[in-house]
Amino acid sequence: MSLQTTGTPELSVVMPTFQDAQCLELTLRALTRQTLPPERFEVIVVRDGGSPAGYAEALAAGAGLRLRLVEFPERRGRAAARNEGVRHASAPLLVFLDADSYALPDLLERHLAHHAAPGGPAVLIGRRDEIGMAHLPAVLAGAGPSALPRTYPHGGDMRFPDGAPDDDRDWLRLGWALAYTHNISLPRAPFDEIGGYREEFGLSYGMEDIELFYRVDRHLPPGVNFAFDDGARVVHLPHHKDIGRNWAEMMANTRTLVTLYPCLEWEFLSVIVGHEATRRILHYRSLVDECVRRSSCAIGPAFARLADRLPGPRVLWVGTGSDRVDLPAAALTYDYAAPPGPTNFHLVGIAPPIPPGSLDAVVSVDFWRHLLWPELCQFVKASALLAGEVHLVATGDTAPGMCVADAATTEYLRRALAAEYTAELHDVDGLGRVLSLRPRPPAADPAAPGLPAAHEAAYAPA
């Protein structure tokens, strides 16, 4: 189906749809009310399989638009549907909406104006307000922006539960992490150059849009490639969803992406969503940069004094300066001072893409002292799944924000972690204090001693 007017449009709206004709009808009707004249944009709707019931009425609501319907006989997933929509697009600018993204009147005009201004970021992220059932009648009646809430509980953008962070624009350096495709625009050229969406996501829910814009960001020149327009609004229409299944699929997709991109940005997205994820990522990026600048968290002294006391060579060493150490071939590192590669990941260690039980030990040199408490607990838990023992080395180094390593503090940490692990503190000459942790056996006696005798002997003075 194609309803065309003459001339070349300035932007193409691409929307996938699956079994949500009731949403599409409202969204197309909203697009007929745009302040941008209809001859200046086109709309490509891709029906991703499913029943055609209700779609004739939905498409009729878009009368007067440059509207094209593309249909898949069988469902292929949102990534494939969006790619197909782009193949049928003719404008140099792409605006991605979802069928449930009810556009407020000046939405497309704002997207076009952003890209018409010279020198701005290549990608514009718009706002999406959630609405409650109490405001559905206003949408059905075609009410204007003043009738649609912007705050919780019947509104608000789920990425910014406390409001858009206008006072802190640093997050836009990581704009891809919040680049949800329900309201976003970019020139077509970089989209085509990176090959569009990864269709390997198939029918699984979530992260295909974040992954796309991660590649867009890496493809574009370094800098801030994202902008956010709080006034470019859509309203998220109610539709049926299986929240539990969606969340499980999104987390599974993210774990796959951590394997593809083993860097702390994706690692945090596997456990935190929304603006809080960008805040944590920026926080740890700054800590990592400082460690590299100061050449702190040095692996060398720890390797020299601990390597022969560990149960094997398959050790994950966390710190910096691994290039100055003759590590065994079986070793892995988290060393930000060295280039990433198959044995060196740029991770914090809260969700590492390493098989459980594949290591002999994990040793973190001082970097663990930078972690916030939730991340320290996650790091220890994740490391304990990888190896039979985890060693947290505290040297005499100090830095702003780093946990001190005096006797009272390290003893408190030992007692806190002893709730789940056997925990022992050791003073190692020429290195510092080492907090050694081993997972408790499922049926272990809580009063049982910590490390086995062999490991106790390993830490005896040479």
Protein backbone atom coordinates (compact mmCIF):
# COMPACT_ATOMS: atom_id res chain seq x y z
CA MET A 1 0.00 0.00 0.00
CA SER A 2 1.33 3.45 -0.83
CA LEU A 3 -0.25 6.90 -0.55
CA GLN A 4 2.21 9.32 -2.16
CA THR A 5 2.42 13.01 -2.87
CA THR A 6 4.91 14.62 -5.22
CA GLY A 7 8.42 15.78 -4.34
CA THR A 8 11.15 14.33 -2.14
CA PRO A 9 10.43 14.27 1.61
CA GLU A 10 12.89 15.78 4.07
CA LEU A 11 12.51 13.06 6.67
CA SER A 12 11.28 9.48 6.79
CA VAL A 13 9.38 8.14 9.80
CA VAL A 14 9.98 4.39 10.20
CA MET A 15 7.65 2.37 12.45
CA PRO A 16 7.43 -1.38 13.04
CA THR A 17 4.11 -2.81 14.20
CA PHE A 18 3.01 -6.18 15.52
CA GLN A 19 -0.49 -6.91 16.79
CA ASP A 20 -1.02 -3.34 17.96
CA ALA A 21 -3.29 -1.83 15.31
CA GLN A 22 -5.15 0.09 18.03
CA CYS A 23 -1.92 1.95 18.86
CA LEU A 24 -0.93 2.47 15.24
CA GLU A 25 -4.30 4.06 14.49
CA LEU A 26 -3.79 6.72 17.16
CA THR A 27 -0.15 7.30 16.21
CA LEU A 28 -0.94 7.78 12.52
CA ARG A 29 -3.76 10.14 13.41
CA ALA A 30 -1.32 12.13 15.54
CA LEU A 31 1.08 12.34 12.58
CA THR A 32 -1.68 13.89 10.45
CA ARG A 33 -1.82 16.74 13.01
CA GLN A 34 1.87 17.66 12.86
CA THR A 35 2.90 21.27 12.47
CA LEU A 36 5.32 20.04 9.80
CA PRO A 37 3.37 19.96 6.50
CA PRO A 38 2.69 16.38 5.31
CA GLU A 39 4.48 16.91 2.00
CA ARG A 40 7.75 17.35 3.92
CA PHE A 41 7.81 13.87 5.48
CA GLU A 42 6.88 10.29 4.74
CA VAL A 43 5.79 7.42 6.99
CA ILE A 44 6.84 3.81 6.41
CA VAL A 45 4.95 1.26 8.50
CA VAL A 46 6.31 -2.30 8.57
CA ARG A 47 3.81 -4.91 9.73
CA ASP A 48 5.96 -7.65 11.24
CA GLY A 49 3.73 -10.63 10.52
CA GLY A 50 0.82 -11.48 12.78
CA SER A 51 -2.88 -11.02 12.12
CA PRO A 52 -3.93 -8.21 9.77
CA ALA A 53 -7.04 -7.59 11.86
CA GLY A 54 -7.60 -3.89 12.52
CA TYR A 55 -4.89 -2.60 10.23
CA ALA A 56 -7.22 -1.35 7.48
CA GLU A 57 -8.84 1.00 10.00
CA ALA A 58 -5.45 1.98 11.41
CA LEU A 59 -4.05 2.92 8.00
CA ALA A 60 -7.20 4.87 7.16
CA ALA A 61 -6.39 7.11 10.13
CA GLY A 62 -3.28 8.24 8.25
CA ALA A 63 -5.21 9.63 5.29
CA GLY A 64 -3.35 12.56 3.78
CA LEU A 65 0.11 11.33 4.76
CA ARG A 66 2.81 10.00 2.48
CA LEU A 67 2.14 6.56 3.88
CA ARG A 68 3.60 3.25 2.81
CA LEU A 69 2.83 -0.15 4.29
CA VAL A 70 5.39 -2.95 4.05
CA GLU A 71 4.27 -6.40 5.24
CA PHE A 72 6.22 -9.48 6.31
CA PRO A 73 4.31 -12.76 5.83
CA GLU A 74 5.99 -14.13 8.97
CA ARG A 75 7.30 -12.32 12.01
CA ARG A 76 11.03 -11.49 11.85
CA GLY A 77 11.53 -9.13 14.77
CA ARG A 78 11.91 -5.40 15.31
CA ALA A 79 15.46 -5.12 13.98
CA ALA A 80 14.53 -6.71 10.66
CA ALA A 81 11.33 -4.65 10.43
CA ARG A 82 13.17 -1.37 10.98
CA ASN A 83 15.86 -2.29 8.46
CA GLU A 84 13.18 -3.07 5.90
CA GLY A 85 11.48 0.23 6.61
CA VAL A 86 14.72 2.10 5.98
CA ARG A 87 15.17 0.29 2.66
CA HIS A 88 11.86 1.81 1.54
CA ALA A 89 12.69 5.28 2.89
CA SER A 90 13.64 8.06 0.49
CA ALA A 91 14.60 10.96 2.80
CA PRO A 92 18.14 11.77 4.01
CA LEU A 93 16.93 11.93 7.64
CA LEU A 94 15.45 8.99 9.59
CA VAL A 95 13.05 9.34 12.52
CA PHE A 96 12.35 6.08 14.35
CA LEU A 97 9.07 5.80 16.23
CA ASP A 98 7.19 2.83 17.59
CA ALA A 99 3.57 2.18 16.68
CA ASP A 100 2.71 3.07 20.30
CA SER A 101 4.58 6.42 20.14
CA TYR A 102 1.74 8.96 19.99
CA ALA A 103 3.40 12.09 18.62
CA LEU A 104 2.67 15.53 19.99
CA PRO A 105 2.06 18.14 17.28
CA ASP A 106 5.53 19.67 16.89
CA LEU A 107 7.52 16.42 17.20
CA LEU A 108 8.69 16.13 13.60
CA GLU A 109 9.29 19.85 13.25
CA ARG A 110 11.64 19.72 16.25
CA HIS A 111 13.54 16.74 14.87
CA LEU A 112 13.95 18.44 11.51
CA ALA A 113 15.00 21.75 13.07
CA HIS A 114 17.73 20.04 15.12
CA HIS A 115 19.29 18.45 12.07
CA ALA A 116 18.95 21.62 9.99
CA ALA A 117 21.11 23.56 12.46
CA PRO A 118 24.81 23.31 11.52
CA GLY A 119 27.35 21.70 13.79
CA GLY A 120 24.96 19.91 16.15
CA PRO A 121 25.16 16.30 17.35
CA ALA A 122 24.22 13.74 14.73
CA VAL A 123 21.56 12.00 16.83
CA LEU A 124 18.56 13.61 18.54
CA ILE A 125 16.85 11.72 21.36
CA GLY A 126 13.27 12.78 22.10
CA ARG A 127 11.22 12.40 25.24
CA ARG A 128 8.68 9.62 25.81
CA ASP A 129 6.10 10.14 28.52
CA GLU A 130 4.36 7.21 30.12
CA ILE A 131 0.66 7.74 30.79
CA GLY A 132 -1.77 6.04 33.12
CA MET A 133 -5.20 4.76 32.27
CA ALA A 134 -6.61 7.97 33.73
CA HIS A 135 -5.27 9.92 30.75
CA LEU A 136 -6.14 7.49 27.97
CA PRO A 137 -9.48 9.27 27.27
CA ALA A 138 -7.56 12.50 26.62
CA VAL A 139 -5.41 10.76 24.01
CA LEU A 140 -8.44 9.13 22.40
CA ALA A 141 -10.06 12.55 22.17
CA GLY A 142 -6.97 14.05 20.52
CA ALA A 143 -6.17 16.34 23.45
CA GLY A 144 -3.16 18.64 23.22
CA PRO A 145 0.06 18.62 25.27
CA SER A 146 -1.42 20.46 28.24
CA ALA A 147 -3.77 17.55 28.94
CA LEU A 148 -0.95 14.95 28.98
CA PRO A 149 1.12 14.70 32.18
CA ARG A 150 4.89 14.90 32.38
CA THR A 151 5.34 13.65 35.93
CA TYR A 152 4.88 10.46 37.93
CA PRO A 153 2.61 8.52 38.50
CA HIS A 154 0.70 9.17 35.25
CA GLY A 155 3.60 10.45 33.19
CA GLY A 156 7.31 10.96 33.03
CA ASP A 157 10.10 9.52 30.91
CA MET A 158 11.17 6.17 32.36
CA ARG A 159 14.83 7.00 31.62
CA PHE A 160 14.65 10.01 33.94
CA PRO A 161 12.47 9.19 36.95
CA ASP A 162 13.65 12.37 38.69
CA GLY A 163 13.23 14.55 35.63
CA ALA A 164 15.47 15.22 32.65
CA PRO A 165 19.03 15.98 33.86
CA ASP A 166 19.27 19.49 32.41
CA ASP A 167 21.92 20.45 34.96
CA ASP A 168 24.18 17.57 33.97
CA ARG A 169 24.74 17.04 30.25
CA ASP A 170 27.73 14.74 30.68
CA TRP A 171 25.45 11.78 30.16
CA LEU A 172 25.12 12.75 26.49
CA ARG A 173 28.67 11.46 26.01
CA LEU A 174 26.96 8.11 26.61
CA GLY A 175 23.75 9.04 24.83
CA TRP A 176 23.71 5.70 23.01
CA ALA A 177 22.96 3.97 26.33
CA LEU A 178 19.58 5.75 26.43
CA ALA A 179 18.94 5.77 22.68
CA TYR A 180 15.60 3.97 22.67
CA THR A 181 14.08 3.80 19.20
CA HIS A 182 10.62 4.97 20.22
CA ASN A 183 11.61 8.60 19.46
CA ILE A 184 15.00 9.25 17.90
CA SER A 185 16.47 10.63 14.67
CA LEU A 186 19.73 10.55 12.72
CA PRO A 187 20.95 11.07 9.17
CA ARG A 188 20.56 8.04 6.96
CA ALA A 189 24.21 7.99 5.89
CA PRO A 190 25.75 6.66 9.15
CA PHE A 191 22.89 4.20 9.53
CA ASP A 192 23.67 2.69 6.13
CA GLU A 193 27.43 2.83 6.69
CA ILE A 194 27.28 0.65 9.82
CA GLY A 195 24.84 -1.81 8.23
CA GLY A 196 21.69 -0.97 10.22
CA TYR A 197 20.29 -3.07 13.02
CA ARG A 198 21.69 -6.50 13.86
CA GLU A 199 18.94 -8.87 12.79
CA GLU A 200 20.46 -11.66 14.89
CA PHE A 201 18.30 -10.40 17.76
CA GLY A 202 15.38 -12.10 16.02
CA LEU A 203 12.17 -12.05 18.02
CA SER A 204 13.91 -11.48 21.35
CA TYR A 205 12.97 -8.26 23.12
CA GLY A 206 15.26 -5.33 23.77
CA MET A 207 18.74 -3.84 23.28
CA GLU A 208 18.76 -3.91 19.47
CA ASP A 209 18.36 -0.13 19.46
CA ILE A 210 21.03 0.49 22.13
CA GLU A 211 23.48 -1.72 20.24
CA LEU A 212 22.77 0.11 16.97
CA PHE A 213 23.50 3.52 18.46
CA TYR A 214 26.60 2.20 20.23
CA ARG A 215 27.95 1.39 16.78
CA VAL A 216 26.75 4.74 15.43
CA ASP A 217 28.66 6.51 18.21
CA ARG A 218 31.84 4.56 17.51
CA HIS A 219 31.46 5.23 13.78
CA LEU A 220 31.05 9.00 14.13
CA PRO A 221 33.95 11.34 14.98
CA PRO A 222 34.90 11.39 18.68
CA GLY A 223 32.89 13.81 20.78
CA VAL A 224 29.32 14.29 21.93
CA ASN A 225 27.22 12.73 19.17
CA PHE A 226 23.85 12.85 20.97
CA ALA A 227 21.46 15.62 21.93
CA PHE A 228 18.27 15.42 23.99
CA ASP A 229 15.18 17.54 23.33
CA ASP A 230 12.80 17.47 26.27
CA GLY A 231 10.18 19.20 24.11
CA ALA A 232 10.23 16.59 21.32
CA ARG A 233 7.57 14.46 22.99
CA VAL A 234 5.68 11.28 22.32
CA VAL A 235 3.25 9.55 24.65
CA HIS A 236 3.60 5.81 25.23
CA LEU A 237 0.22 4.25 24.49
CA PRO A 238 -0.99 1.36 26.65
CA HIS A 239 -0.73 -2.03 24.99
CA HIS A 240 -0.42 -5.60 26.17
CA LYS A 241 3.04 -6.68 27.25
CA ASP A 242 4.58 -9.52 29.21
CA ILE A 243 6.88 -7.54 31.49
CA GLY A 244 8.60 -10.58 33.00
CA ARG A 245 9.39 -12.13 29.64
CA ASN A 246 10.51 -8.81 28.15
CA TRP A 247 12.87 -8.18 31.07
CA ALA A 248 14.34 -11.69 30.91
CA GLU A 249 14.93 -11.42 27.16
CA MET A 250 16.47 -7.96 27.48
CA MET A 251 18.91 -9.16 30.14
CA ALA A 252 19.82 -12.21 28.04
CA ASN A 253 20.49 -9.96 25.04
CA THR A 254 22.63 -7.67 27.17
CA ARG A 255 24.72 -10.59 28.46
CA THR A 256 25.33 -11.57 24.84
CA LEU A 257 26.43 -8.02 24.07
CA VAL A 258 28.86 -7.97 27.02
CA THR A 259 30.58 -10.89 25.28
CA LEU A 260 30.65 -8.94 22.02
CA TYR A 261 31.77 -5.70 23.70
CA PRO A 262 33.72 -6.57 26.88
CA CYS A 263 33.90 -3.03 28.29
CA LEU A 264 32.51 -1.58 31.48
CA GLU A 265 29.82 0.38 29.59
CA TRP A 266 28.02 -2.78 28.53
CA GLU A 267 28.80 -4.51 31.80
CA PHE A 268 26.82 -1.87 33.70
CA LEU A 269 23.94 -2.01 31.24
CA SER A 270 23.55 -5.67 32.17
CA VAL A 271 22.56 -4.77 35.74
CA ILE A 272 21.35 -1.12 35.67
CA VAL A 273 19.08 0.71 33.23
CA GLY A 274 18.23 4.33 32.52
CA HIS A 275 20.12 7.44 33.53
CA GLU A 276 21.55 5.72 36.62
CA ALA A 277 23.53 3.44 34.30
CA THR A 278 25.15 6.41 32.56
CA ARG A 279 26.03 7.98 35.92
CA ARG A 280 27.74 4.79 37.09
CA ILE A 281 29.58 4.35 33.80
CA LEU A 282 30.87 7.92 33.84
CA HIS A 283 31.90 7.53 37.49
CA TYR A 284 33.95 4.41 36.83
CA ARG A 285 35.38 5.77 33.60
CA SER A 286 36.83 8.66 35.60
CA LEU A 287 38.29 6.28 38.21
CA VAL A 288 39.85 4.14 35.53
CA ASP A 289 41.33 7.18 33.80
CA GLU A 290 42.80 8.34 37.11
CA CYS A 291 44.34 4.91 37.80
CA VAL A 292 45.95 4.91 34.38
CA ARG A 293 47.19 8.48 34.80
CA ARG A 294 48.76 7.70 38.18
CA SER A 295 49.99 4.20 37.19
CA SER A 296 48.33 2.96 40.38
CA CYS A 297 46.84 -0.49 41.09
CA ALA A 298 50.07 -2.03 39.81
CA ILE A 299 49.84 -5.75 39.09
CA GLY A 300 53.60 -6.33 39.13
CA PRO A 301 54.29 -6.39 42.90
CA ALA A 302 51.22 -8.53 43.55
CA PHE A 303 52.24 -11.03 40.88
CA ALA A 304 55.78 -11.23 42.29
CA ARG A 305 54.57 -12.02 45.81
CA LEU A 306 51.38 -14.00 45.22
CA ALA A 307 51.69 -15.94 41.96
CA ASP A 308 53.50 -18.93 43.45
CA ARG A 309 51.03 -19.08 46.33
CA LEU A 310 47.95 -19.44 44.11
CA PRO A 311 46.51 -22.82 43.11
CA GLY A 312 47.24 -22.44 39.40
CA PRO A 313 48.17 -20.10 36.53
CA ARG A 314 44.61 -19.36 35.37
CA VAL A 315 44.37 -16.13 37.32
CA LEU A 316 42.47 -12.95 36.53
CA TRP A 317 44.65 -9.99 37.53
CA VAL A 318 42.83 -6.69 38.04
CA GLY A 319 44.93 -3.53 37.94
CA THR A 320 47.40 -1.82 35.61
CA GLY A 321 50.86 -2.43 34.22
CA SER A 322 50.39 -6.04 33.07
CA ASP A 323 52.78 -5.34 30.18
CA ARG A 324 55.60 -5.11 32.73
CA VAL A 325 54.93 -8.61 34.04
CA ASP A 326 55.61 -11.99 32.45
CA LEU A 327 52.13 -13.38 33.08
CA PRO A 328 51.42 -17.02 32.21
CA ALA A 329 49.62 -17.67 28.93
CA ALA A 330 46.58 -18.86 30.88
CA ALA A 331 46.19 -15.55 32.74
CA LEU A 332 43.52 -12.92 32.04
CA THR A 333 43.59 -9.25 32.96
CA TYR A 334 41.40 -6.23 33.49
CA ASP A 335 44.06 -3.66 32.61
CA TYR A 336 42.86 -0.32 31.27
CA ALA A 337 46.43 0.81 30.66
CA ALA A 338 46.79 -1.95 28.05
CA PRO A 339 44.82 -2.28 24.80
CA PRO A 340 41.69 -4.45 24.96
CA GLY A 341 42.04 -7.89 23.48
CA PRO A 342 41.07 -11.54 23.87
CA THR A 343 42.80 -11.83 27.27
CA ASN A 344 42.48 -8.23 28.49
CA PHE A 345 39.00 -6.87 29.18
CA HIS A 346 38.16 -3.29 30.11
CA LEU A 347 35.73 -4.30 32.84
CA VAL A 348 34.92 -3.49 36.44
CA GLY A 349 34.07 -7.16 36.93
CA ILE A 350 30.41 -7.12 37.95
CA ALA A 351 29.20 -9.17 34.96
CA PRO A 352 32.25 -10.64 33.22
CA PRO A 353 31.80 -12.73 30.05
CA ILE A 354 34.01 -15.51 31.41
CA PRO A 355 32.78 -19.08 31.96
CA PRO A 356 32.06 -19.96 35.61
CA GLY A 357 34.70 -22.16 37.21
CA SER A 358 37.24 -21.50 34.45
CA LEU A 359 39.81 -19.74 36.66
CA ASP A 360 42.02 -20.71 39.59
CA ALA A 361 41.86 -17.32 41.32
CA VAL A 362 40.97 -13.64 40.93
CA VAL A 363 43.35 -10.99 42.28
CA SER A 364 42.35 -7.31 42.39
CA VAL A 365 45.14 -4.88 43.24
CA ASP A 366 43.69 -1.78 44.91
CA PHE A 367 41.07 -1.13 42.23
CA TRP A 368 38.47 -2.88 44.39
CA ARG A 369 39.02 -0.07 46.90
CA HIS A 370 37.47 2.37 44.39
CA LEU A 371 34.25 0.40 44.02
CA LEU A 372 30.98 1.55 45.51
CA TRP A 373 29.65 -1.00 47.98
CA PRO A 374 27.02 -2.51 45.62
CA GLU A 375 29.67 -2.97 42.93
CA LEU A 376 32.17 -4.45 45.38
CA CYS A 377 29.61 -7.05 46.45
CA GLN A 378 28.82 -7.79 42.80
CA PHE A 379 32.50 -8.02 41.90
CA VAL A 380 33.21 -10.50 44.70
CA LYS A 381 30.13 -12.55 43.82
CA ALA A 382 30.97 -12.64 40.11
CA SER A 383 34.63 -13.45 40.82
CA ALA A 384 33.71 -16.26 43.19
CA LEU A 385 31.72 -17.85 40.38
CA LEU A 386 34.77 -17.71 38.13
CA ALA A 387 37.33 -19.07 40.60
CA GLY A 388 37.70 -20.90 43.86
CA GLU A 389 39.28 -17.94 45.61
CA VAL A 390 39.31 -14.15 45.39
CA HIS A 391 42.13 -11.99 46.77
CA LEU A 392 41.64 -8.28 47.41
CA VAL A 393 45.06 -6.65 47.69
CA ALA A 394 45.37 -3.34 49.57
CA THR A 395 48.75 -1.67 49.14
CA GLY A 396 49.86 1.50 50.85
CA ASP A 397 48.56 3.61 47.96
CA THR A 398 45.96 6.28 48.67
CA ALA A 399 43.78 8.37 46.36
CA PRO A 400 40.60 10.48 46.68
CA GLY A 401 37.57 8.23 47.00
CA MET A 402 39.62 5.10 47.64
CA CYS A 403 38.77 3.05 50.72
CA VAL A 404 41.56 3.25 53.27
CA ALA A 405 43.40 0.03 54.09
CA ASP A 406 44.11 0.38 57.80
CA ALA A 407 43.67 -2.55 60.15
CA ALA A 408 40.27 -1.46 61.49
CA THR A 409 38.74 -0.89 58.05
CA THR A 410 39.99 -4.10 56.48
CA GLU A 411 38.86 -6.09 59.52
CA TYR A 412 35.39 -4.57 59.21
CA LEU A 413 35.29 -5.55 55.53
CA ARG A 414 36.43 -9.07 56.41
CA ARG A 415 33.61 -9.44 58.92
CA ALA A 416 31.05 -7.99 56.49
CA LEU A 417 32.01 -10.38 53.70
CA ALA A 418 32.31 -13.35 56.08
CA ALA A 419 28.53 -13.54 56.02
CA GLU A 420 28.82 -15.39 52.70
CA TYR A 421 32.50 -16.29 52.28
CA THR A 422 35.28 -17.71 54.35
CA ALA A 423 37.39 -14.60 54.82
CA GLU A 424 40.97 -14.23 56.03
CA LEU A 425 43.28 -11.24 56.31
CA HIS A 426 47.02 -11.58 55.67
CA ASP A 427 49.93 -9.15 55.83
CA VAL A 428 52.26 -9.84 52.88
CA ASP A 429 55.74 -8.35 53.14
CA GLY A 430 56.48 -5.81 50.43
CA LEU A 431 52.89 -5.73 49.24
CA GLY A 432 50.33 -4.87 51.91
CA ARG A 433 47.19 -6.45 53.34
CA VAL A 434 45.33 -9.16 51.43
CA LEU A 435 41.71 -10.08 52.11
CA SER A 436 41.25 -13.63 50.82
CA LEU A 437 37.76 -14.96 50.15
CA ARG A 438 36.50 -18.40 49.27
CA PRO A 439 32.87 -19.38 48.63
CA ARG A 440 31.35 -21.30 51.49
CA PRO A 441 30.21 -24.82 50.59
CA PRO A 442 26.40 -25.04 50.59
CA ALA A 443 26.33 -27.13 53.75
CA ALA A 444 29.26 -25.43 55.47
CA ASP A 445 29.26 -24.91 59.21
CA PRO A 446 29.11 -21.12 59.80
CA ALA A 447 31.64 -21.55 62.60
CA ALA A 448 34.12 -23.42 60.39
CA PRO A 449 37.56 -21.79 59.83
CA GLY A 450 38.33 -19.93 56.64
CA LEU A 451 41.03 -20.98 54.20
CA PRO A 452 42.20 -24.58 54.11
CA ALA A 453 45.49 -25.32 55.82
CA ALA A 454 47.37 -25.39 52.52
CA HIS A 455 46.34 -21.83 51.77
CA GLU A 456 47.06 -20.70 55.32
CA ALA A 457 50.58 -22.05 54.87
CA ALA A 458 50.92 -20.23 51.56
CA TYR A 459 50.70 -16.91 53.35
CA ALA A 460 53.22 -17.79 56.05
CA PRO A 461 56.43 -15.74 55.86
CA ALA A 462 58.86 -17.22 53.37
